[in-house]
C-alpha atoms as a PDB file:
ATOM      1  CA  GLN A   1     -29.512 -20.621 -36.231  1.00  0.00           C
ATOM      2  CA  VAL A   2     -26.457 -18.741 -34.806  1.00  0.00           C
ATOM      3  CA  GLN A   3     -26.763 -16.428 -31.762  1.00  0.00           C
ATOM      4  CA  LEU A   4     -24.104 -13.885 -31.183  1.00  0.00           C
ATOM      5  CA  VAL A   5     -23.223 -12.067 -28.004  1.00  0.00           C
ATOM      6  CA  GLU A   6     -20.463  -9.173 -27.950  1.00  0.00           C
ATOM      7  CA  SER A   7     -18.470  -8.014 -25.108  1.00  0.00           C
ATOM      8  CA  GLY A   8     -15.430  -5.991 -24.380  1.00  0.00           C
ATOM      9  CA  GLY A   9     -16.614  -2.362 -25.177  1.00  0.00           C
ATOM     10  CA  GLY A  10     -15.891   0.616 -22.905  1.00  0.00           C
ATOM     11  CA  LEU A  11     -14.406   4.032 -22.650  1.00  0.00           C
ATOM     12  CA  VAL A  12     -10.754   4.584 -23.576  1.00  0.00           C
ATOM     13  CA  GLN A  13      -8.498   7.389 -24.344  1.00  0.00           C
ATOM     14  CA  ALA A  14      -7.246   8.181 -27.774  1.00  0.00           C
ATOM     15  CA  GLY A  15      -4.147   6.039 -28.472  1.00  0.00           C
ATOM     16  CA  GLY A  16      -5.414   3.182 -26.163  1.00  0.00           C
ATOM     17  CA  SER A  17      -6.458  -0.270 -27.032  1.00  0.00           C
ATOM     18  CA  LEU A  18      -9.573  -2.417 -26.515  1.00  0.00           C
ATOM     19  CA  ARG A  19     -10.353  -6.040 -27.322  1.00  0.00           C
ATOM     20  CA  LEU A  20     -13.879  -6.996 -28.337  1.00  0.00           C
ATOM     21  CA  SER A  21     -15.107 -10.544 -28.223  1.00  0.00           C
ATOM     22  CA  CYS A  22     -18.021 -12.143 -29.844  1.00  0.00           C
ATOM     23  CA  THR A  23     -19.291 -15.603 -28.600  1.00  0.00           C
ATOM     24  CA  ALA A  24     -21.461 -17.634 -30.800  1.00  0.00           C
ATOM     25  CA  SER A  25     -23.737 -20.471 -30.257  1.00  0.00           C
ATOM     26  CA  GLY A  26     -25.405 -22.671 -32.770  1.00  0.00           C
ATOM     27  CA  ARG A  27     -24.436 -25.835 -34.671  1.00  0.00           C
ATOM     28  CA  THR A  28     -23.006 -24.004 -37.667  1.00  0.00           C
ATOM     29  CA  TYR A  29     -20.717 -21.471 -36.317  1.00  0.00           C
ATOM     30  CA  SER A  30     -17.662 -23.118 -37.961  1.00  0.00           C
ATOM     31  CA  ASN A  31     -19.402 -22.827 -41.284  1.00  0.00           C
ATOM     32  CA  ASN A  32     -19.891 -19.030 -40.978  1.00  0.00           C
ATOM     33  CA  ALA A  33     -17.796 -16.121 -42.182  1.00  0.00           C
ATOM     34  CA  MET A  34     -17.789 -13.519 -39.489  1.00  0.00           C
ATOM     35  CA  GLY A  35     -17.550  -9.815 -39.469  1.00  0.00           C
ATOM     36  CA  TRP A  36     -17.333  -6.784 -37.253  1.00  0.00           C
ATOM     37  CA  PHE A  37     -19.477  -3.627 -38.251  1.00  0.00           C
ATOM     38  CA  ARG A  38     -19.838  -0.263 -36.372  1.00  0.00           C
ATOM     39  CA  GLN A  39     -22.426   2.389 -36.290  1.00  0.00           C
ATOM     40  CA  ALA A  40     -21.795   5.954 -34.940  1.00  0.00           C
ATOM     41  CA  PRO A  41     -24.768   8.181 -34.084  1.00  0.00           C
ATOM     42  CA  GLY A  42     -26.405   9.542 -37.086  1.00  0.00           C
ATOM     43  CA  LYS A  43     -24.375   7.579 -39.382  1.00  0.00           C
ATOM     44  CA  GLU A  44     -24.955   4.283 -41.378  1.00  0.00           C
ATOM     45  CA  ARG A  45     -23.662   1.052 -40.194  1.00  0.00           C
ATOM     46  CA  GLU A  46     -20.117   0.483 -41.813  1.00  0.00           C
ATOM     47  CA  PHE A  47     -17.959  -2.546 -42.371  1.00  0.00           C
ATOM     48  CA  VAL A  48     -14.793  -2.807 -40.118  1.00  0.00           C
ATOM     49  CA  ALA A  49     -13.293  -6.303 -40.616  1.00  0.00           C
ATOM     50  CA  THR A  50     -14.244  -9.822 -41.802  1.00  0.00           C
ATOM     51  CA  ILE A  51     -12.722 -13.199 -41.384  1.00  0.00           C
ATOM     52  CA  SER A  52     -13.215 -16.447 -43.434  1.00  0.00           C
ATOM     53  CA  ARG A  53     -14.589 -19.810 -41.841  1.00  0.00           C
ATOM     54  CA  SER A  54     -11.135 -21.164 -41.502  1.00  0.00           C
ATOM     55  CA  GLY A  55      -9.606 -17.854 -40.266  1.00  0.00           C
ATOM     56  CA  GLY A  56      -7.044 -17.960 -43.072  1.00  0.00           C
ATOM     57  CA  SER A  57      -8.502 -14.986 -44.835  1.00  0.00           C
ATOM     58  CA  THR A  58      -9.155 -11.501 -43.324  1.00  0.00           C
ATOM     59  CA  PHE A  59     -10.080  -8.031 -44.836  1.00  0.00           C
ATOM     60  CA  TYR A  60     -10.324  -4.755 -43.329  1.00  0.00           C
ATOM     61  CA  ALA A  61     -11.706  -1.252 -43.892  1.00  0.00           C
ATOM     62  CA  ASP A  62      -9.077   1.244 -44.924  1.00  0.00           C
ATOM     63  CA  SER A  63      -9.868   3.199 -41.760  1.00  0.00           C
ATOM     64  CA  VAL A  64      -8.802   0.545 -39.517  1.00  0.00           C
ATOM     65  CA  LYS A  65      -6.166  -1.325 -41.440  1.00  0.00           C
ATOM     66  CA  GLY A  66      -2.900  -1.614 -39.491  1.00  0.00           C
ATOM     67  CA  ARG A  67      -4.665  -0.640 -36.191  1.00  0.00           C
ATOM     68  CA  PHE A  68      -7.263  -3.500 -35.867  1.00  0.00           C
ATOM     69  CA  THR A  69      -7.013  -7.273 -35.993  1.00  0.00           C
ATOM     70  CA  ILE A  70      -9.753  -9.725 -36.360  1.00  0.00           C
ATOM     71  CA  ALA A  71      -9.223 -13.268 -35.300  1.00  0.00           C
ATOM     72  CA  ARG A  72     -11.382 -16.381 -34.514  1.00  0.00           C
ATOM     73  CA  ASP A  73     -11.134 -19.497 -32.488  1.00  0.00           C
ATOM     74  CA  ASN A  74     -13.546 -22.224 -33.762  1.00  0.00           C
ATOM     75  CA  ALA A  75     -12.923 -24.440 -30.912  1.00  0.00           C
ATOM     76  CA  LYS A  76     -14.282 -21.771 -28.582  1.00  0.00           C
ATOM     77  CA  ASN A  77     -16.766 -20.376 -30.935  1.00  0.00           C
ATOM     78  CA  THR A  78     -15.339 -16.848 -30.599  1.00  0.00           C
ATOM     79  CA  VAL A  79     -14.258 -14.037 -32.778  1.00  0.00           C
ATOM     80  CA  THR A  80     -12.380 -11.071 -31.487  1.00  0.00           C
ATOM     81  CA  LEU A  81     -11.408  -7.689 -32.717  1.00  0.00           C
ATOM     82  CA  GLN A  82      -8.174  -6.318 -31.165  1.00  0.00           C
ATOM     83  CA  MET A  83      -8.230  -2.538 -31.620  1.00  0.00           C
ATOM     84  CA  ASN A  84      -4.984  -0.540 -31.000  1.00  0.00           C
ATOM     85  CA  SER A  85      -4.210   3.102 -31.563  1.00  0.00           C
ATOM     86  CA  LEU A  86      -7.770   3.977 -31.055  1.00  0.00           C
ATOM     87  CA  LYS A  87      -9.068   7.491 -32.426  1.00  0.00           C
ATOM     88  CA  PRO A  88     -12.132   9.426 -31.350  1.00  0.00           C
ATOM     89  CA  GLU A  89     -13.587   8.637 -34.695  1.00  0.00           C
ATOM     90  CA  ASP A  90     -13.655   5.013 -33.843  1.00  0.00           C
ATOM     91  CA  THR A  91     -16.492   5.770 -31.222  1.00  0.00           C
ATOM     92  CA  ALA A  92     -19.368   3.698 -32.381  1.00  0.00           C
ATOM     93  CA  VAL A  93     -21.512   0.644 -31.411  1.00  0.00           C
ATOM     94  CA  TYR A  94     -19.819  -2.229 -32.561  1.00  0.00           C
ATOM     95  CA  TYR A  95     -21.737  -5.288 -33.970  1.00  0.00           C
ATOM     96  CA  CYS A  96     -20.519  -8.862 -34.624  1.00  0.00           C
ATOM     97  CA  ALA A  97     -22.190 -10.734 -37.491  1.00  0.00           C
ATOM     98  CA  ALA A  98     -22.082 -14.072 -39.045  1.00  0.00           C
ATOM     99  CA  LYS A  99     -23.091 -15.193 -42.600  1.00  0.00           C
ATOM    100  CA  TYR A 100     -23.004 -18.405 -44.648  1.00  0.00           C
ATOM    101  CA  GLY A 101     -20.472 -18.626 -47.463  1.00  0.00           C
ATOM    102  CA  PRO A 102     -17.424 -16.374 -48.127  1.00  0.00           C
ATOM    103  CA  THR A 103     -16.424 -13.205 -46.516  1.00  0.00           C
ATOM    104  CA  SER A 104     -18.198  -9.963 -47.380  1.00  0.00           C
ATOM    105  CA  ILE A 105     -18.008  -6.307 -46.613  1.00  0.00           C
ATOM    106  CA  SER A 106     -21.743  -5.843 -47.209  1.00  0.00           C
ATOM    107  CA  TYR A 107     -23.922  -5.909 -44.084  1.00  0.00           C
ATOM    108  CA  TYR A 108     -26.868  -7.112 -46.371  1.00  0.00           C
ATOM    109  CA  SER A 109     -25.242 -10.352 -46.677  1.00  0.00           C
ATOM    110  CA  TYR A 110     -24.945 -11.080 -42.887  1.00  0.00           C
ATOM    111  CA  ALA A 111     -27.824 -13.086 -41.634  1.00  0.00           C
ATOM    112  CA  TYR A 112     -27.063 -13.051 -37.838  1.00  0.00           C
ATOM    113  CA  TRP A 113     -26.281 -10.072 -35.673  1.00  0.00           C
ATOM    114  CA  GLY A 114     -25.264  -9.515 -32.103  1.00  0.00           C
ATOM    115  CA  GLN A 115     -26.822  -6.839 -29.930  1.00  0.00           C
ATOM    116  CA  GLY A 116     -23.755  -4.489 -30.249  1.00  0.00           C
ATOM    117  CA  THR A 117     -21.374  -3.256 -27.674  1.00  0.00           C
ATOM    118  CA  GLN A 118     -20.313   0.464 -27.218  1.00  0.00           C
ATOM    119  CA  VAL A 119     -16.810   1.848 -27.755  1.00  0.00           C
ATOM    120  CA  THR A 120     -16.105   5.404 -26.804  1.00  0.00           C
ATOM    121  CA  VAL A 121     -12.732   6.876 -27.426  1.00  0.00           C
ATOM    122  CA  SER A 122     -12.047  10.271 -25.739  1.00  0.00           C
ATOM    123  CA  SER A 123      -9.616  12.860 -27.066  1.00  0.00           C
END
């Protein structure tokens, strides 16, 4: 079992930055690939970024590439999402997720989810 708790959401103006954190508990955290997803009102949950177990491999959605950075610290059981140059269309609830095996962009393959943290970007 892996439990995930996100933090760091909030309200920011367009062009600003936020850093989301996800703290994991459970024995197998270091064996999990991690991902960030987001869901805006009235829309389906969409992939944002994923990182491999070692942290050596990352992949991003085209919409955030070059603006967002995912990283992990296995010693601290944390994964972060640094979000720069934020746009109003980045407004959503952001979810941290964990899965066994390799990275994936499909939310169906993630077994564990946090409760989500709201990010609102004003224009």
